Amino acid sequence: MKTYKSSLRLLAVALAFMLVTAAAAAPKLTFKFTTIDVKGASQTQIFGIANSGATVGDYIDSSGVTHGLLQVGKKTTNIDNPNATSGTFCYNMNSSGAIVGYYLGSSGAPQGFLYKKGKFTNVGPSGNGSYALGINTKGDITGFYLDSSSVEHGFVLKGKKYTTLDVPGATASGAWGINAKGLISMFWIDSAGVYEGAIYNGKKYTTIDVPGASQSIPHSINSAGDVAFSWLDSSSIYHGALLKGGKYYKFDDPKASNYTRPAGINDHNTIVGFFEATAGVNQGFKATY
């Protein structure tokens, strides 16, 4: 039986993510990268970007404490849930400034949250833990939770109503992003233990996987339906990909020494995420396309 620790592994792979015919030329798109760091931090990870350009994520300070962060221009503000004992992690932000993420409390179990107008509210169906990963302009929230048997399920919260989202045939499901039209980007694990992606339109799940990837993890989705991906190659190295107009564009931060992990996307052709700069040290990035 899985525990909340297994869900951390699910999120880590989901985040925290080739052998197509060589003859098929990959489509071209130019990405311009900017590094995002918090001054004095040992690590910085960026997960979400609002249409205003404000970014959210987390960083580790010089004392080894993990803080949620909001960065507007050059100003960084800590977003620390008062109930957190082992860190606060921010994942997305909408145009109204509402932030979602999760924190680790005294029990060690993850707890999703909404941070709005200076107030924290717990988010997630009852069970053994939850993660809030996406929020749209209407305030609808997506994420995943562990049920009483510690099985992972995606969810969407609209108003006060939770709806469970399970991709057919999945052994575990998670909902990451939700756009203004209500389209939801999801990651799920198939019967072989492989991560795959899907888009849910409220009625139907459509599989979306990066061509040639051994595993595909969709993250945020913008109003145009563009999706930011992490994907694993045959050597189990993470790379980035963008699904735009039905085509997949692969990319890596040029400063990455190892992996590149995109996560957030907004309506102004900007993707954010993080990359491994040196062994064991992550830095955030912003890429315009």
C-alpha atoms as a PDB file:
ATOM      1  CA  MET A   1       0.000   0.000   0.000  1.00  0.00           C
ATOM      2  CA  LYS A   2       1.329   3.446  -0.905  1.00  0.00           C
ATOM      3  CA  THR A   3       1.936   6.148   1.694  1.00  0.00           C
ATOM      4  CA  TYR A   4       2.230   9.922   1.345  1.00  0.00           C
ATOM      5  CA  LYS A   5       5.947   9.269   0.752  1.00  0.00           C
ATOM      6  CA  SER A   6       5.040   7.536  -2.494  1.00  0.00           C
ATOM      7  CA  SER A   7       3.090  10.632  -3.507  1.00  0.00           C
ATOM      8  CA  LEU A   8       6.217  12.707  -3.007  1.00  0.00           C
ATOM      9  CA  ARG A   9       7.923  10.391  -5.477  1.00  0.00           C
ATOM     10  CA  LEU A  10       4.952  10.836  -7.824  1.00  0.00           C
ATOM     11  CA  LEU A  11       5.255  14.607  -7.611  1.00  0.00           C
ATOM     12  CA  ALA A  12       9.039  14.535  -7.891  1.00  0.00           C
ATOM     13  CA  VAL A  13       8.863  12.552 -11.101  1.00  0.00           C
ATOM     14  CA  ALA A  14       5.910  14.558 -12.280  1.00  0.00           C
ATOM     15  CA  LEU A  15       7.734  17.803 -11.618  1.00  0.00           C
ATOM     16  CA  ALA A  16       8.873  18.931  -8.801  1.00  0.00           C
ATOM     17  CA  PHE A  17       9.625  15.449 -15.805  1.00  0.00           C
ATOM     18  CA  MET A  18      13.670   8.975 -27.929  1.00  0.00           C
ATOM     19  CA  LEU A  19      13.805   7.162 -30.143  1.00  0.00           C
ATOM     20  CA  VAL A  20      11.462   8.596 -32.744  1.00  0.00           C
ATOM     21  CA  THR A  21      12.358   8.076 -36.348  1.00  0.00           C
ATOM     22  CA  ALA A  22      15.483  10.073 -36.998  1.00  0.00           C
ATOM     23  CA  ALA A  23      14.088  11.049 -40.361  1.00  0.00           C
ATOM     24  CA  ALA A  24      11.276  13.051 -38.781  1.00  0.00           C
ATOM     25  CA  ALA A  25      12.700  16.559 -38.408  1.00  0.00           C
ATOM     26  CA  ALA A  26      11.710  18.260 -35.153  1.00  0.00           C
ATOM     27  CA  PRO A  27       9.847  21.554 -35.603  1.00  0.00           C
ATOM     28  CA  LYS A  28      11.822  24.712 -34.869  1.00  0.00           C
ATOM     29  CA  LEU A  29      11.033  27.362 -32.293  1.00  0.00           C
ATOM     30  CA  THR A  30      13.385  29.830 -30.622  1.00  0.00           C
ATOM     31  CA  PHE A  31      13.558  29.963 -26.814  1.00  0.00           C
ATOM     32  CA  LYS A  32      15.297  32.824 -24.963  1.00  0.00           C
ATOM     33  CA  PHE A  33      16.390  31.937 -21.422  1.00  0.00           C
ATOM     34  CA  THR A  34      16.865  34.065 -18.305  1.00  0.00           C
ATOM     35  CA  THR A  35      18.113  32.634 -14.980  1.00  0.00           C
ATOM     36  CA  ILE A  36      16.046  33.297 -11.841  1.00  0.00           C
ATOM     37  CA  ASP A  37      17.752  33.137  -8.453  1.00  0.00           C
ATOM     38  CA  VAL A  38      16.956  34.265  -4.926  1.00  0.00           C
ATOM     39  CA  LYS A  39      19.877  36.159  -3.418  1.00  0.00           C
ATOM     40  CA  GLY A  40      21.667  34.076  -0.791  1.00  0.00           C
ATOM     41  CA  ALA A  41      19.695  30.907  -1.612  1.00  0.00           C
ATOM     42  CA  SER A  42      21.447  27.575  -1.962  1.00  0.00           C
ATOM     43  CA  GLN A  43      18.768  26.459  -4.459  1.00  0.00           C
ATOM     44  CA  THR A  44      15.913  28.125  -6.337  1.00  0.00           C
ATOM     45  CA  GLN A  45      13.030  26.389  -8.125  1.00  0.00           C
ATOM     46  CA  ILE A  46      10.323  28.193 -10.118  1.00  0.00           C
ATOM     47  CA  PHE A  47       7.015  26.440 -10.827  1.00  0.00           C
ATOM     48  CA  GLY A  48       4.466  29.017 -11.916  1.00  0.00           C
ATOM     49  CA  ILE A  49       4.125  32.327 -13.768  1.00  0.00           C
ATOM     50  CA  ALA A  50       1.128  34.660 -13.915  1.00  0.00           C
ATOM     51  CA  ASN A  51       0.184  36.742 -16.932  1.00  0.00           C
ATOM     52  CA  SER A  52       1.629  39.748 -15.091  1.00  0.00           C
ATOM     53  CA  GLY A  53       5.039  38.065 -15.170  1.00  0.00           C
ATOM     54  CA  ALA A  54       5.110  37.410 -11.412  1.00  0.00           C
ATOM     55  CA  THR A  55       6.613  34.005 -10.599  1.00  0.00           C
ATOM     56  CA  VAL A  56       6.176  31.556  -7.718  1.00  0.00           C
ATOM     57  CA  GLY A  57       8.231  28.631  -6.478  1.00  0.00           C
ATOM     58  CA  ASP A  58      10.462  27.811  -3.554  1.00  0.00           C
ATOM     59  CA  TYR A  59      14.025  28.274  -2.379  1.00  0.00           C
ATOM     60  CA  ILE A  60      16.347  26.953   0.305  1.00  0.00           C
ATOM     61  CA  ASP A  61      17.970  29.590   2.507  1.00  0.00           C
ATOM     62  CA  SER A  62      21.462  29.524   4.024  1.00  0.00           C
ATOM     63  CA  SER A  63      20.099  27.682   7.077  1.00  0.00           C
ATOM     64  CA  GLY A  64      18.612  24.897   4.963  1.00  0.00           C
ATOM     65  CA  VAL A  65      14.993  26.044   5.404  1.00  0.00           C
ATOM     66  CA  THR A  66      12.636  25.780   2.411  1.00  0.00           C
ATOM     67  CA  HIS A  67      10.421  28.812   1.772  1.00  0.00           C
ATOM     68  CA  GLY A  68       7.674  29.393  -0.730  1.00  0.00           C
ATOM     69  CA  LEU A  69       8.387  32.452  -2.827  1.00  0.00           C
ATOM     70  CA  LEU A  70       6.652  35.135  -4.837  1.00  0.00           C
ATOM     71  CA  GLN A  71       8.895  37.153  -7.127  1.00  0.00           C
ATOM     72  CA  VAL A  72       7.631  40.366  -8.708  1.00  0.00           C
ATOM     73  CA  GLY A  73      10.311  42.059 -10.745  1.00  0.00           C
ATOM     74  CA  LYS A  74      13.415  41.960  -8.554  1.00  0.00           C
ATOM     75  CA  LYS A  75      11.473  41.746  -5.287  1.00  0.00           C
ATOM     76  CA  THR A  76      11.154  38.363  -3.570  1.00  0.00           C
ATOM     77  CA  THR A  77       8.538  37.782  -0.873  1.00  0.00           C
ATOM     78  CA  ASN A  78       8.466  34.700   1.334  1.00  0.00           C
ATOM     79  CA  ILE A  79       5.203  32.750   1.278  1.00  0.00           C
ATOM     80  CA  ASP A  80       5.388  30.611   4.419  1.00  0.00           C
ATOM     81  CA  ASN A  81       2.356  28.724   5.658  1.00  0.00           C
ATOM     82  CA  PRO A  82       2.204  29.146   9.455  1.00  0.00           C
ATOM     83  CA  ASN A  83       1.382  25.447   9.857  1.00  0.00           C
ATOM     84  CA  ALA A  84       4.457  24.328   7.922  1.00  0.00           C
ATOM     85  CA  THR A  85       7.222  22.602   9.853  1.00  0.00           C
ATOM     86  CA  SER A  86       9.267  21.283   6.919  1.00  0.00           C
ATOM     87  CA  GLY A  87       8.712  23.811   4.141  1.00  0.00           C
ATOM     88  CA  THR A  88       6.198  25.628   1.957  1.00  0.00           C
ATOM     89  CA  PHE A  89       6.106  25.045  -1.811  1.00  0.00           C
ATOM     90  CA  CYS A  90       4.268  27.381  -4.221  1.00  0.00           C
ATOM     91  CA  TYR A  91       3.201  26.004  -7.599  1.00  0.00           C
ATOM     92  CA  ASN A  92       0.933  28.412  -9.429  1.00  0.00           C
ATOM     93  CA  MET A  93      -0.620  31.866  -9.368  1.00  0.00           C
ATOM     94  CA  ASN A  94      -3.563  33.407 -11.208  1.00  0.00           C
ATOM     95  CA  SER A  95      -4.138  36.948 -12.471  1.00  0.00           C
ATOM     96  CA  SER A  96      -5.847  37.909  -9.194  1.00  0.00           C
ATOM     97  CA  GLY A  97      -2.726  37.070  -7.205  1.00  0.00           C
ATOM     98  CA  ALA A  98      -4.089  33.874  -5.644  1.00  0.00           C
ATOM     99  CA  ILE A  99      -1.346  31.283  -5.077  1.00  0.00           C
ATOM    100  CA  VAL A 100      -1.638  27.515  -4.667  1.00  0.00           C
ATOM    101  CA  GLY A 101       0.854  24.963  -3.424  1.00  0.00           C
ATOM    102  CA  TYR A 102       1.408  22.637  -0.500  1.00  0.00           C
ATOM    103  CA  TYR A 103       3.210  22.539   2.830  1.00  0.00           C
ATOM    104  CA  LEU A 104       4.571  19.844   5.092  1.00  0.00           C
ATOM    105  CA  GLY A 105       3.241  19.985   8.635  1.00  0.00           C
ATOM    106  CA  SER A 106       4.068  18.199  11.854  1.00  0.00           C
ATOM    107  CA  SER A 107       2.549  14.922  10.621  1.00  0.00           C
ATOM    108  CA  GLY A 108       4.864  14.942   7.613  1.00  0.00           C
ATOM    109  CA  ALA A 109       1.886  14.570   5.270  1.00  0.00           C
ATOM    110  CA  PRO A 110       1.520  17.092   2.406  1.00  0.00           C
ATOM    111  CA  GLN A 111      -1.341  19.558   2.638  1.00  0.00           C
ATOM    112  CA  GLY A 112      -2.514  21.633  -0.326  1.00  0.00           C
ATOM    113  CA  PHE A 113      -3.268  25.302   0.256  1.00  0.00           C
ATOM    114  CA  LEU A 114      -4.689  28.445  -1.305  1.00  0.00           C
ATOM    115  CA  TYR A 115      -3.032  31.749  -0.366  1.00  0.00           C
ATOM    116  CA  LYS A 116      -5.296  34.697  -1.133  1.00  0.00           C
ATOM    117  CA  LYS A 117      -5.261  38.246   0.228  1.00  0.00           C
ATOM    118  CA  GLY A 118      -2.822  37.265   2.958  1.00  0.00           C
ATOM    119  CA  LYS A 119      -4.848  34.281   4.162  1.00  0.00           C
ATOM    120  CA  PHE A 120      -4.016  30.567   3.903  1.00  0.00           C
ATOM    121  CA  THR A 121      -6.810  28.023   3.374  1.00  0.00           C
ATOM    122  CA  ASN A 122      -6.280  24.269   3.225  1.00  0.00           C
ATOM    123  CA  VAL A 123      -7.209  22.661  -0.109  1.00  0.00           C
ATOM    124  CA  GLY A 124      -7.785  19.004  -0.952  1.00  0.00           C
ATOM    125  CA  PRO A 125     -10.322  16.229  -0.374  1.00  0.00           C
ATOM    126  CA  SER A 126     -10.045  14.365   2.918  1.00  0.00           C
ATOM    127  CA  GLY A 127      -7.585  11.487   2.972  1.00  0.00           C
ATOM    128  CA  ASN A 128      -3.897  11.060   3.624  1.00  0.00           C
ATOM    129  CA  GLY A 129      -2.556  14.218   2.001  1.00  0.00           C
ATOM    130  CA  SER A 130      -3.017  16.624  -0.893  1.00  0.00           C
ATOM    131  CA  TYR A 131      -1.188  18.898  -3.337  1.00  0.00           C
ATOM    132  CA  ALA A 132      -2.669  22.012  -4.993  1.00  0.00           C
ATOM    133  CA  LEU A 133      -0.846  22.576  -8.300  1.00  0.00           C
ATOM    134  CA  GLY A 134      -2.961  24.743 -10.619  1.00  0.00           C
ATOM    135  CA  ILE A 135      -5.384  27.676 -10.473  1.00  0.00           C
ATOM    136  CA  ASN A 136      -7.137  29.560 -13.270  1.00  0.00           C
ATOM    137  CA  THR A 137      -8.638  33.037 -13.573  1.00  0.00           C
ATOM    138  CA  LYS A 138     -11.964  31.814 -12.154  1.00  0.00           C
ATOM    139  CA  GLY A 139     -10.236  30.442  -9.057  1.00  0.00           C
ATOM    140  CA  ASP A 140     -10.763  26.777  -9.989  1.00  0.00           C
ATOM    141  CA  ILE A 141      -7.994  24.683  -8.405  1.00  0.00           C
ATOM    142  CA  THR A 142      -6.417  21.420  -9.574  1.00  0.00           C
ATOM    143  CA  GLY A 143      -4.070  18.974  -7.884  1.00  0.00           C
ATOM    144  CA  PHE A 144      -4.027  15.470  -6.507  1.00  0.00           C
ATOM    145  CA  TYR A 145      -4.708  13.760  -3.209  1.00  0.00           C
ATOM    146  CA  LEU A 146      -4.196  10.445  -1.429  1.00  0.00           C
ATOM    147  CA  ASP A 147      -7.366   8.642  -0.442  1.00  0.00           C
ATOM    148  CA  SER A 148      -7.805   6.712   2.799  1.00  0.00           C
ATOM    149  CA  SER A 149      -5.948   3.795   1.193  1.00  0.00           C
ATOM    150  CA  SER A 150      -3.122   6.154   0.078  1.00  0.00           C
ATOM    151  CA  VAL A 151      -3.991   5.817  -3.629  1.00  0.00           C
ATOM    152  CA  GLU A 152      -3.341   9.002  -5.652  1.00  0.00           C
ATOM    153  CA  HIS A 153      -6.176  10.710  -7.552  1.00  0.00           C
ATOM    154  CA  GLY A 154      -6.434  13.991  -9.423  1.00  0.00           C
ATOM    155  CA  PHE A 155      -9.013  16.568  -8.379  1.00  0.00           C
ATOM    156  CA  VAL A 156     -10.561  19.841  -9.463  1.00  0.00           C
ATOM    157  CA  LEU A 157     -12.143  22.233  -6.977  1.00  0.00           C
ATOM    158  CA  LYS A 158     -14.818  24.572  -8.362  1.00  0.00           C
ATOM    159  CA  GLY A 159     -16.388  26.756  -5.731  1.00  0.00           C
ATOM    160  CA  LYS A 160     -16.784  24.359  -2.801  1.00  0.00           C
ATOM    161  CA  LYS A 161     -17.217  21.207  -4.885  1.00  0.00           C
ATOM    162  CA  TYR A 162     -14.439  18.659  -5.385  1.00  0.00           C
ATOM    163  CA  THR A 163     -14.488  16.328  -8.379  1.00  0.00           C
ATOM    164  CA  THR A 164     -12.101  13.372  -8.520  1.00  0.00           C
ATOM    165  CA  LEU A 165     -10.246  12.926 -11.812  1.00  0.00           C
ATOM    166  CA  ASP A 166      -8.858   9.498 -12.720  1.00  0.00           C
ATOM    167  CA  VAL A 167      -7.499   8.758 -16.186  1.00  0.00           C
ATOM    168  CA  PRO A 168      -9.026   5.441 -17.365  1.00  0.00           C
ATOM    169  CA  GLY A 169      -6.565   2.585 -16.868  1.00  0.00           C
ATOM    170  CA  ALA A 170      -4.262   4.629 -14.617  1.00  0.00           C
ATOM    171  CA  THR A 171      -2.767   3.263 -11.407  1.00  0.00           C
ATOM    172  CA  ALA A 172      -2.300   6.868 -10.193  1.00  0.00           C
ATOM    173  CA  SER A 173      -3.473  10.233 -11.535  1.00  0.00           C
ATOM    174  CA  GLY A 174      -2.700  13.887 -10.894  1.00  0.00           C
ATOM    175  CA  ALA A 175      -4.166  17.115 -12.280  1.00  0.00           C
ATOM    176  CA  TRP A 176      -1.554  19.839 -12.734  1.00  0.00           C
ATOM    177  CA  GLY A 177      -2.871  22.798 -14.706  1.00  0.00           C
ATOM    178  CA  ILE A 178      -6.229  24.337 -15.576  1.00  0.00           C
ATOM    179  CA  ASN A 179      -6.762  27.150 -18.045  1.00  0.00           C
ATOM    180  CA  ALA A 180      -9.459  29.783 -18.398  1.00  0.00           C
ATOM    181  CA  LYS A 181     -11.530  27.471 -20.617  1.00  0.00           C
ATOM    182  CA  GLY A 182     -11.434  24.713 -17.998  1.00  0.00           C
ATOM    183  CA  LEU A 183      -9.068  22.403 -19.899  1.00  0.00           C
ATOM    184  CA  ILE A 184      -7.005  20.376 -17.419  1.00  0.00           C
ATOM    185  CA  SER A 185      -3.513  18.998 -18.024  1.00  0.00           C
ATOM    186  CA  MET A 186      -2.923  15.688 -16.225  1.00  0.00           C
ATOM    187  CA  PHE A 187      -0.134  13.223 -15.569  1.00  0.00           C
ATOM    188  CA  TRP A 188      -0.827   9.562 -14.861  1.00  0.00           C
ATOM    189  CA  ILE A 189       0.933   6.239 -14.388  1.00  0.00           C
ATOM    190  CA  ASP A 190      -0.007   3.353 -16.652  1.00  0.00           C
ATOM    191  CA  SER A 191      -0.040  -0.363 -15.776  1.00  0.00           C
ATOM    192  CA  ALA A 192       3.643  -0.637 -16.746  1.00  0.00           C
ATOM    193  CA  GLY A 193       4.628   2.102 -14.287  1.00  0.00           C
ATOM    194  CA  VAL A 194       5.251   4.668 -17.052  1.00  0.00           C
ATOM    195  CA  TYR A 195       4.279   8.330 -16.729  1.00  0.00           C
ATOM    196  CA  GLU A 196       2.029   9.639 -19.473  1.00  0.00           C
ATOM    197  CA  GLY A 197       0.030  12.796 -20.096  1.00  0.00           C
ATOM    198  CA  ALA A 198      -3.571  13.681 -20.830  1.00  0.00           C
ATOM    199  CA  ILE A 199      -5.851  16.652 -21.429  1.00  0.00           C
ATOM    200  CA  TYR A 200      -9.293  16.497 -19.807  1.00  0.00           C
ATOM    201  CA  ASN A 201     -12.031  18.715 -21.271  1.00  0.00           C
ATOM    202  CA  GLY A 202     -14.689  17.863 -18.714  1.00  0.00           C
ATOM    203  CA  LYS A 203     -15.919  14.828 -20.622  1.00  0.00           C
ATOM    204  CA  LYS A 204     -13.008  13.112 -22.327  1.00  0.00           C
ATOM    205  CA  TYR A 205      -9.368  12.302 -21.571  1.00  0.00           C
ATOM    206  CA  THR A 206      -7.023  12.698 -24.566  1.00  0.00           C
ATOM    207  CA  THR A 207      -3.498  11.283 -24.279  1.00  0.00           C
ATOM    208  CA  ILE A 208      -0.611  13.692 -24.935  1.00  0.00           C
ATOM    209  CA  ASP A 209       2.929  12.297 -24.861  1.00  0.00           C
ATOM    210  CA  VAL A 210       6.159  13.870 -26.111  1.00  0.00           C
ATOM    211  CA  PRO A 211       7.306  11.927 -29.206  1.00  0.00           C
ATOM    212  CA  GLY A 212      10.300   9.709 -28.457  1.00  0.00           C
ATOM    213  CA  ALA A 213      10.072  10.197 -24.689  1.00  0.00           C
ATOM    214  CA  SER A 214      10.351   7.228 -22.361  1.00  0.00           C
ATOM    215  CA  GLN A 215       8.052   9.132 -19.976  1.00  0.00           C
ATOM    216  CA  SER A 216       6.030  12.343 -20.406  1.00  0.00           C
ATOM    217  CA  ILE A 217       4.816  14.737 -17.698  1.00  0.00           C
ATOM    218  CA  PRO A 218       2.500  17.629 -18.692  1.00  0.00           C
ATOM    219  CA  HIS A 219       2.510  20.556 -16.302  1.00  0.00           C
ATOM    220  CA  SER A 220       0.711  23.882 -16.765  1.00  0.00           C
ATOM    221  CA  ILE A 221      -1.598  24.806 -19.657  1.00  0.00           C
ATOM    222  CA  ASN A 222      -2.351  28.336 -20.880  1.00  0.00           C
ATOM    223  CA  SER A 223      -5.457  29.868 -22.445  1.00  0.00           C
ATOM    224  CA  ALA A 224      -4.325  28.944 -25.971  1.00  0.00           C
ATOM    225  CA  GLY A 225      -3.906  25.310 -24.937  1.00  0.00           C
ATOM    226  CA  ASP A 226      -0.088  25.414 -24.965  1.00  0.00           C
ATOM    227  CA  VAL A 227       1.323  22.884 -22.482  1.00  0.00           C
ATOM    228  CA  ALA A 228       4.715  22.861 -20.738  1.00  0.00           C
ATOM    229  CA  PHE A 229       6.220  19.365 -20.359  1.00  0.00           C
ATOM    230  CA  SER A 230       9.040  17.576 -18.604  1.00  0.00           C
ATOM    231  CA  TRP A 231      10.087  14.383 -20.360  1.00  0.00           C
ATOM    232  CA  LEU A 232      12.636  11.637 -19.888  1.00  0.00           C
ATOM    233  CA  ASP A 233      14.957  10.415 -22.622  1.00  0.00           C
ATOM    234  CA  SER A 234      16.303   6.869 -22.962  1.00  0.00           C
ATOM    235  CA  SER A 235      19.081   7.738 -20.486  1.00  0.00           C
ATOM    236  CA  SER A 236      16.522   8.927 -17.890  1.00  0.00           C
ATOM    237  CA  ILE A 237      17.557  12.587 -18.233  1.00  0.00           C
ATOM    238  CA  TYR A 238      14.864  15.254 -17.972  1.00  0.00           C
ATOM    239  CA  HIS A 239      14.312  17.765 -20.758  1.00  0.00           C
ATOM    240  CA  GLY A 240      11.695  20.390 -21.550  1.00  0.00           C
ATOM    241  CA  ALA A 241       9.049  20.398 -24.244  1.00  0.00           C
ATOM    242  CA  LEU A 242       6.264  22.699 -25.368  1.00  0.00           C
ATOM    243  CA  LEU A 243       3.070  21.466 -27.021  1.00  0.00           C
ATOM    244  CA  LYS A 244       1.838  24.305 -29.225  1.00  0.00           C
ATOM    245  CA  GLY A 245      -0.617  24.109 -32.084  1.00  0.00           C
ATOM    246  CA  GLY A 246      -0.452  20.319 -32.100  1.00  0.00           C
ATOM    247  CA  LYS A 247       3.351  20.273 -32.420  1.00  0.00           C
ATOM    248  CA  TYR A 248       5.985  19.408 -29.819  1.00  0.00           C
ATOM    249  CA  TYR A 249       9.076  21.610 -29.438  1.00  0.00           C
ATOM    250  CA  LYS A 250      11.907  20.204 -27.304  1.00  0.00           C
ATOM    251  CA  PHE A 251      14.350  22.410 -25.411  1.00  0.00           C
ATOM    252  CA  ASP A 252      16.983  22.596 -22.659  1.00  0.00           C
ATOM    253  CA  ASP A 253      18.289  25.554 -20.702  1.00  0.00           C
ATOM    254  CA  PRO A 254      21.761  26.230 -22.183  1.00  0.00           C
ATOM    255  CA  LYS A 255      23.215  26.600 -18.683  1.00  0.00           C
ATOM    256  CA  ALA A 256      21.985  23.186 -17.544  1.00  0.00           C
ATOM    257  CA  SER A 257      24.718  20.768 -16.535  1.00  0.00           C
ATOM    258  CA  ASN A 258      22.229  17.913 -16.418  1.00  0.00           C
ATOM    259  CA  TYR A 259      18.434  18.209 -16.510  1.00  0.00           C
ATOM    260  CA  THR A 260      15.884  20.893 -17.428  1.00  0.00           C
ATOM    261  CA  ARG A 261      12.448  20.829 -15.719  1.00  0.00           C
ATOM    262  CA  PRO A 262       9.783  23.237 -17.051  1.00  0.00           C
ATOM    263  CA  ALA A 263       6.624  23.679 -14.989  1.00  0.00           C
ATOM    264  CA  GLY A 264       4.665  26.900 -15.547  1.00  0.00           C
ATOM    265  CA  ILE A 265       3.384  28.738 -18.621  1.00  0.00           C
ATOM    266  CA  ASN A 266       1.384  31.934 -19.102  1.00  0.00           C
ATOM    267  CA  ASP A 267      -0.577  33.554 -21.937  1.00  0.00           C
ATOM    268  CA  HIS A 268       2.394  35.662 -23.063  1.00  0.00           C
ATOM    269  CA  ASN A 269       4.630  32.924 -24.487  1.00  0.00           C
ATOM    270  CA  THR A 270       6.673  32.466 -21.330  1.00  0.00           C
ATOM    271  CA  ILE A 271       7.651  29.202 -19.634  1.00  0.00           C
ATOM    272  CA  VAL A 272       9.288  28.871 -16.216  1.00  0.00           C
ATOM    273  CA  GLY A 273      10.952  26.002 -14.414  1.00  0.00           C
ATOM    274  CA  PHE A 274      14.346  25.026 -13.060  1.00  0.00           C
ATOM    275  CA  PHE A 275      17.534  23.287 -14.153  1.00  0.00           C
ATOM    276  CA  GLU A 276      20.511  21.646 -12.513  1.00  0.00           C
ATOM    277  CA  ALA A 277      23.320  24.211 -12.713  1.00  0.00           C
ATOM    278  CA  THR A 278      25.946  22.172 -10.864  1.00  0.00           C
ATOM    279  CA  ALA A 279      25.691  18.769  -9.213  1.00  0.00           C
ATOM    280  CA  GLY A 280      22.757  18.857  -6.802  1.00  0.00           C
ATOM    281  CA  VAL A 281      22.125  22.604  -7.205  1.00  0.00           C
ATOM    282  CA  ASN A 282      18.996  23.883  -8.968  1.00  0.00           C
ATOM    283  CA  GLN A 283      18.381  27.340 -10.413  1.00  0.00           C
ATOM    284  CA  GLY A 284      15.178  28.777 -11.806  1.00  0.00           C
ATOM    285  CA  PHE A 285      14.679  29.865 -15.395  1.00  0.00           C
ATOM    286  CA  LYS A 286      12.311  31.871 -17.536  1.00  0.00           C
ATOM    287  CA  ALA A 287      12.108  31.132 -21.272  1.00  0.00           C
ATOM    288  CA  THR A 288      10.215  33.212 -23.825  1.00  0.00           C
ATOM    289  CA  TYR A 289       9.234  31.678 -27.173  1.00  0.00           C
END
